[in-house]
C-alpha atoms as a PDB file:
ATOM      1  CA  UNK A   1       0.003   0.014  -0.009  1.00  0.00           C
ATOM      2  CA  UNK A   2       1.224   3.408  -0.949  1.00  0.00           C
ATOM      3  CA  UNK A   3       1.709   6.032   1.693  1.00  0.00           C
ATOM      4  CA  UNK A   4      -0.078   9.404   1.195  1.00  0.00           C
ATOM      5  CA  UNK A   5       2.147  12.422   0.832  1.00  0.00           C
ATOM      6  CA  UNK A   6       1.205  15.675   2.428  1.00  0.00           C
ATOM      7  CA  UNK A   7       0.617  18.309  -0.284  1.00  0.00           C
ATOM      8  CA  UNK A   8       3.182  21.102  -0.420  1.00  0.00           C
ATOM      9  CA  UNK A   9       2.238  24.593   0.605  1.00  0.00           C
ATOM     10  CA  UNK A  10       1.242  26.382   3.812  1.00  0.00           C
ATOM     11  CA  UNK A  11      -0.853  24.770   6.462  1.00  0.00           C
ATOM     12  CA  UNK A  12      -4.540  25.646   6.549  1.00  0.00           C
ATOM     13  CA  UNK A  13      -3.982  27.902   9.531  1.00  0.00           C
ATOM     14  CA  UNK A  14      -1.166  29.807   7.778  1.00  0.00           C
ATOM     15  CA  UNK A  15      -3.257  30.059   4.612  1.00  0.00           C
ATOM     16  CA  UNK A  16      -6.291  31.346   6.542  1.00  0.00           C
ATOM     17  CA  UNK A  17      -4.206  33.920   8.425  1.00  0.00           C
ATOM     18  CA  UNK A  18      -2.563  35.134   5.173  1.00  0.00           C
ATOM     19  CA  UNK A  19      -5.925  35.372   3.402  1.00  0.00           C
ATOM     20  CA  UNK A  20      -7.385  37.317   6.346  1.00  0.00           C
ATOM     21  CA  UNK A  21      -4.481  39.784   6.332  1.00  0.00           C
ATOM     22  CA  UNK A  22      -4.895  40.276   2.511  1.00  0.00           C
ATOM     23  CA  UNK A  23      -8.634  40.914   2.886  1.00  0.00           C
ATOM     24  CA  UNK A  24      -8.062  43.436   5.688  1.00  0.00           C
ATOM     25  CA  UNK A  25      -5.370  45.260   3.701  1.00  0.00           C
ATOM     26  CA  UNK A  26      -7.657  45.388   0.672  1.00  0.00           C
ATOM     27  CA  UNK A  27     -10.562  46.702   2.723  1.00  0.00           C
ATOM     28  CA  UNK A  28      -8.318  49.315   4.425  1.00  0.00           C
ATOM     29  CA  UNK A  29      -7.015  50.404   1.025  1.00  0.00           C
ATOM     30  CA  UNK A  30     -10.443  50.701  -0.501  1.00  0.00           C
ATOM     31  CA  UNK A  31     -11.583  52.670   2.591  1.00  0.00           C
ATOM     32  CA  UNK A  32      -8.668  55.052   2.260  1.00  0.00           C
ATOM     33  CA  UNK A  33      -9.423  55.658  -1.445  1.00  0.00           C
ATOM     34  CA  UNK A  34     -13.078  56.317  -0.682  1.00  0.00           C
ATOM     35  CA  UNK A  35     -12.178  58.645   2.219  1.00  0.00           C
ATOM     36  CA  UNK A  36      -9.712  60.546   0.029  1.00  0.00           C
ATOM     37  CA  UNK A  37     -11.823  60.956  -3.165  1.00  0.00           C
ATOM     38  CA  UNK A  38     -15.349  60.515  -1.686  1.00  0.00           C
ATOM     39  CA  UNK A  39     -17.634  60.044  -4.720  1.00  0.00           C
ATOM     40  CA  UNK A  40     -15.213  61.744  -7.166  1.00  0.00           C
ATOM     41  CA  UNK A  41     -12.931  59.456  -9.125  1.00  0.00           C
ATOM     42  CA  UNK A  42      -9.151  60.151  -8.856  1.00  0.00           C
ATOM     43  CA  UNK A  43      -9.044  61.081 -12.563  1.00  0.00           C
ATOM     44  CA  UNK A  44     -12.067  63.401 -12.343  1.00  0.00           C
ATOM     45  CA  UNK A  45     -10.166  66.347 -13.700  1.00  0.00           C
ATOM     46  CA  UNK A  46      -9.282  64.467 -16.871  1.00  0.00           C
ATOM     47  CA  UNK A  47     -12.930  63.336 -17.218  1.00  0.00           C
ATOM     48  CA  UNK A  48     -14.172  66.896 -16.878  1.00  0.00           C
ATOM     49  CA  UNK A  49     -11.609  68.305 -19.378  1.00  0.00           C
ATOM     50  CA  UNK A  50     -12.381  65.732 -21.963  1.00  0.00           C
ATOM     51  CA  UNK A  51     -16.113  66.239 -21.552  1.00  0.00           C
ATOM     52  CA  UNK A  52     -15.750  69.987 -22.231  1.00  0.00           C
ATOM     53  CA  UNK A  53     -13.314  69.321 -25.062  1.00  0.00           C
ATOM     54  CA  UNK A  54     -15.595  66.870 -26.851  1.00  0.00           C
ATOM     55  CA  UNK A  55     -18.643  69.066 -26.429  1.00  0.00           C
ATOM     56  CA  UNK A  56     -16.878  72.005 -28.016  1.00  0.00           C
ATOM     57  CA  UNK A  57     -15.411  69.908 -30.872  1.00  0.00           C
ATOM     58  CA  UNK A  58     -18.899  68.636 -31.694  1.00  0.00           C
ATOM     59  CA  UNK A  59     -20.224  72.141 -31.773  1.00  0.00           C
ATOM     60  CA  UNK A  60     -17.298  73.374 -33.763  1.00  0.00           C
ATOM     61  CA  UNK A  61     -17.642  70.609 -36.394  1.00  0.00           C
ATOM     62  CA  UNK A  62     -21.412  71.255 -36.857  1.00  0.00           C
ATOM     63  CA  UNK A  63     -20.991  75.043 -36.981  1.00  0.00           C
ATOM     64  CA  UNK A  64     -20.957  75.959 -40.632  1.00  0.00           C
ATOM     65  CA  UNK A  65     -20.756  79.756 -40.365  1.00  0.00           C
ATOM     66  CA  UNK A  66     -18.452  79.876 -37.283  1.00  0.00           C
ATOM     67  CA  UNK A  67     -20.882  81.944 -35.264  1.00  0.00           C
ATOM     68  CA  UNK A  68     -21.360  79.368 -32.518  1.00  0.00           C
ATOM     69  CA  UNK A  69     -17.631  78.740 -32.284  1.00  0.00           C
ATOM     70  CA  UNK A  70     -16.957  82.484 -31.809  1.00  0.00           C
ATOM     71  CA  UNK A  71     -19.605  82.499 -29.081  1.00  0.00           C
ATOM     72  CA  UNK A  72     -17.918  79.590 -27.304  1.00  0.00           C
ATOM     73  CA  UNK A  73     -14.601  81.469 -27.263  1.00  0.00           C
ATOM     74  CA  UNK A  74     -16.314  84.671 -26.160  1.00  0.00           C
ATOM     75  CA  UNK A  75     -17.608  83.096 -22.925  1.00  0.00           C
ATOM     76  CA  UNK A  76     -20.313  80.678 -23.981  1.00  0.00           C
ATOM     77  CA  UNK A  77     -18.278  77.748 -22.532  1.00  0.00           C
ATOM     78  CA  UNK A  78     -18.524  79.210 -18.995  1.00  0.00           C
ATOM     79  CA  UNK A  79     -22.148  80.012 -19.483  1.00  0.00           C
ATOM     80  CA  UNK A  80     -22.913  76.526 -20.674  1.00  0.00           C
ATOM     81  CA  UNK A  81     -21.274  75.077 -17.544  1.00  0.00           C
ATOM     82  CA  UNK A  82     -23.151  77.503 -15.250  1.00  0.00           C
ATOM     83  CA  UNK A  83     -26.427  76.409 -16.906  1.00  0.00           C
ATOM     84  CA  UNK A  84     -25.640  72.742 -16.252  1.00  0.00           C
ATOM     85  CA  UNK A  85     -25.053  71.834 -19.887  1.00  0.00           C
ATOM     86  CA  UNK A  86     -21.759  70.212 -19.031  1.00  0.00           C
ATOM     87  CA  UNK A  87     -23.604  67.220 -17.625  1.00  0.00           C
ATOM     88  CA  UNK A  88     -22.227  64.676 -15.251  1.00  0.00           C
ATOM     89  CA  UNK A  89     -18.660  65.124 -16.461  1.00  0.00           C
ATOM     90  CA  UNK A  90     -18.477  68.825 -15.558  1.00  0.00           C
ATOM     91  CA  UNK A  91     -19.469  68.081 -11.945  1.00  0.00           C
ATOM     92  CA  UNK A  92     -16.026  66.567 -11.227  1.00  0.00           C
ATOM     93  CA  UNK A  93     -14.123  69.770 -11.969  1.00  0.00           C
ATOM     94  CA  UNK A  94     -16.034  72.670 -13.579  1.00  0.00           C
ATOM     95  CA  UNK A  95     -12.989  74.831 -14.351  1.00  0.00           C
ATOM     96  CA  UNK A  96     -11.338  71.942 -16.161  1.00  0.00           C
ATOM     97  CA  UNK A  97     -14.523  71.435 -18.198  1.00  0.00           C
ATOM     98  CA  UNK A  98     -14.495  75.092 -19.211  1.00  0.00           C
ATOM     99  CA  UNK A  99     -10.757  74.831 -20.114  1.00  0.00           C
ATOM    100  CA  UNK A 100     -11.456  71.739 -22.223  1.00  0.00           C
ATOM    101  CA  UNK A 101     -14.332  73.482 -23.950  1.00  0.00           C
ATOM    102  CA  UNK A 102     -12.144  76.490 -24.785  1.00  0.00           C
ATOM    103  CA  UNK A 103      -9.429  74.263 -26.144  1.00  0.00           C
ATOM    104  CA  UNK A 104     -11.848  72.323 -28.304  1.00  0.00           C
ATOM    105  CA  UNK A 105     -13.498  75.525 -29.616  1.00  0.00           C
ATOM    106  CA  UNK A 106     -10.150  77.003 -30.476  1.00  0.00           C
ATOM    107  CA  UNK A 107      -9.138  73.916 -32.371  1.00  0.00           C
ATOM    108  CA  UNK A 108      -6.198  73.048 -30.125  1.00  0.00           C
ATOM    109  CA  UNK A 109      -5.287  69.426 -29.526  1.00  0.00           C
ATOM    110  CA  UNK A 110      -6.497  67.869 -26.284  1.00  0.00           C
ATOM    111  CA  UNK A 111      -4.024  68.174 -23.394  1.00  0.00           C
ATOM    112  CA  UNK A 112      -4.738  64.580 -22.589  1.00  0.00           C
ATOM    113  CA  UNK A 113      -3.674  63.289 -25.952  1.00  0.00           C
ATOM    114  CA  UNK A 114      -0.690  60.915 -26.102  1.00  0.00           C
ATOM    115  CA  UNK A 115       1.283  59.059 -23.468  1.00  0.00           C
ATOM    116  CA  UNK A 116       3.193  62.008 -22.006  1.00  0.00           C
ATOM    117  CA  UNK A 117       1.217  64.943 -20.686  1.00  0.00           C
END
């Protein structure tokens, strides 16, 4: 009769303790992130900027006579944000949304383009 060999690896107690520590560290890290950023994602500024940028680019592309684009550059971006037309993205960082809107209206490339910012 063949003798059974104990499987390699940590004992059940060691494994359970390690798993418990990992779960506690994960929970503490998640709690720290939530406490730091509340309901705002860490990249909220980028989200707001891109939201404003895309909104202005869409307006600019559909503006055949250039009147609406000139209005955006003359202060319509800030007025749109104040009226709530920025949507959920502008909530994260309203000044970044307005900056993105102005960059898009002016035809500048997005500051978030590429790997290096």
